[in-house]
Amino acid sequence: MGRYTYNVIPSVQTKVVFPFERDIGISYVKLLLHYTMLEDDSYRTGTSTTPACECRSGRETAEHFLIHCTGYTQIIKDTIEVALYIVNCVLPTSFLKMYFER
């Protein structure tokens, strides 16, 4: 668990800002701690028989679920668009193609 969190937040001095909505903050912490009901975490704890995602393109990890899962392509696109709008960020077209042209 610690290594995964370190990969996401490598510096101890990094201030983690949680959203005002408590349930979203709890979900965020659960993702960091691998304490989710995603198949990979459930398989590790013995509550699932397989770590594979229903889309059959890999293990259902947090990264797969949030970025790569073909079963949630439209939701992923919408989420990235909203996130880009919120931070008012313009990314290179090549980066956007990587996510939007699957």
Protein backbone atom coordinates (compact mmCIF):
# COMPACT_ATOMS: atom_id res chain seq x y z
CA MET A 1 0.00 0.00 0.00
CA GLY A 2 2.72 2.47 0.94
CA ARG A 3 4.65 2.09 -2.34
CA TYR A 4 1.53 2.79 -4.41
CA THR A 5 0.80 5.95 -2.43
CA TYR A 6 4.45 6.99 -2.80
CA ASN A 7 4.16 6.57 -6.58
CA VAL A 8 1.16 8.91 -6.58
CA ILE A 9 2.48 11.35 -3.94
CA PRO A 10 6.30 11.00 -3.89
CA SER A 11 7.10 13.86 -1.53
CA VAL A 12 6.24 13.83 2.17
CA GLN A 13 5.90 17.60 2.03
CA THR A 14 3.15 17.40 -0.59
CA LYS A 15 -0.06 18.83 0.80
CA VAL A 16 -3.02 16.70 -0.19
CA VAL A 17 -6.12 18.80 -0.70
CA PHE A 18 -9.38 16.96 -0.18
CA PRO A 19 -12.70 18.02 -1.72
CA PHE A 20 -15.40 19.61 0.40
CA GLU A 21 -17.74 16.68 -0.27
CA ARG A 22 -16.91 14.08 2.38
CA ASP A 23 -17.91 11.04 0.30
CA ILE A 24 -15.60 12.07 -2.55
CA GLY A 25 -12.73 12.53 -0.08
CA ILE A 26 -13.35 9.09 1.38
CA SER A 27 -13.32 7.54 -2.10
CA TYR A 28 -10.03 9.31 -2.86
CA VAL A 29 -8.38 7.94 0.29
CA LYS A 30 -9.71 4.44 -0.42
CA LEU A 31 -8.13 4.56 -3.89
CA LEU A 32 -4.79 5.60 -2.37
CA LEU A 33 -4.92 2.82 0.22
CA HIS A 34 -6.15 0.09 -2.16
CA TYR A 35 -9.25 -0.30 -0.02
CA THR A 36 -11.82 -0.41 -2.82
CA MET A 37 -14.25 -2.92 -4.22
CA LEU A 38 -12.38 -3.00 -7.53
CA GLU A 39 -11.64 -6.58 -8.61
CA ASP A 40 -7.86 -6.30 -8.11
CA ASP A 41 -8.23 -5.15 -4.49
CA SER A 42 -11.03 -7.64 -3.83
CA TYR A 43 -8.92 -10.47 -5.23
CA ARG A 44 -6.02 -9.46 -2.98
CA THR A 45 -8.27 -9.57 0.10
CA GLY A 46 -9.92 -12.84 -0.93
CA THR A 47 -13.41 -11.48 -1.68
CA SER A 48 -13.13 -12.01 -5.46
CA THR A 49 -12.12 -15.01 -7.52
CA THR A 50 -10.31 -12.99 -10.19
CA PRO A 51 -8.53 -9.62 -10.45
CA ALA A 52 -9.64 -9.19 -14.08
CA CYS A 53 -11.88 -6.34 -15.20
CA GLU A 54 -15.18 -7.10 -16.91
CA CYS A 55 -13.87 -5.40 -20.06
CA ARG A 56 -11.28 -8.19 -20.32
CA SER A 57 -8.41 -5.81 -21.10
CA GLY A 58 -6.51 -6.14 -17.84
CA ARG A 59 -6.63 -6.19 -14.06
CA GLU A 60 -9.25 -3.89 -12.56
CA THR A 61 -6.85 -1.60 -10.71
CA ALA A 62 -7.53 2.03 -9.79
CA GLU A 63 -5.46 3.22 -12.76
CA HIS A 64 -7.24 0.86 -15.15
CA PHE A 65 -10.66 1.87 -13.83
CA LEU A 66 -9.96 5.62 -13.94
CA ILE A 67 -8.03 5.84 -17.22
CA HIS A 68 -7.91 2.73 -19.40
CA CYS A 69 -11.11 0.69 -18.98
CA THR A 70 -12.96 0.32 -22.26
CA GLY A 71 -16.21 -0.25 -20.38
CA TYR A 72 -16.16 3.35 -19.13
CA THR A 73 -14.69 5.13 -22.17
CA GLN A 74 -17.36 7.85 -22.37
CA ILE A 75 -17.28 8.51 -18.62
CA ILE A 76 -13.48 8.75 -18.73
CA LYS A 77 -13.63 11.21 -21.64
CA ASP A 78 -16.23 13.34 -19.85
CA THR A 79 -14.22 13.32 -16.61
CA ILE A 80 -11.01 14.41 -18.36
CA GLU A 81 -12.87 17.18 -20.19
CA VAL A 82 -14.36 18.47 -16.92
CA ALA A 83 -10.99 18.26 -15.17
CA LEU A 84 -9.34 20.22 -17.98
CA TYR A 85 -12.09 22.81 -17.83
CA ILE A 86 -11.70 23.15 -14.06
CA VAL A 87 -7.95 23.71 -14.18
CA ASN A 88 -8.29 25.76 -17.38
CA CYS A 89 -5.47 23.79 -18.90
CA VAL A 90 -4.68 23.39 -22.56
CA LEU A 91 -2.83 20.19 -23.38
CA PRO A 92 -1.13 19.19 -26.63
CA THR A 93 -3.37 17.48 -29.15
CA SER A 94 -1.16 14.37 -29.05
CA PHE A 95 -1.94 13.94 -25.34
CA LEU A 96 -5.68 14.31 -25.88
CA LYS A 97 -5.62 11.84 -28.81
CA MET A 98 -4.05 9.26 -26.53
CA TYR A 99 -7.22 9.25 -24.39
CA PHE A 100 -9.97 10.21 -26.78
CA GLU A 101 -9.12 8.12 -29.84
CA ARG A 102 -9.42 4.52 -28.73
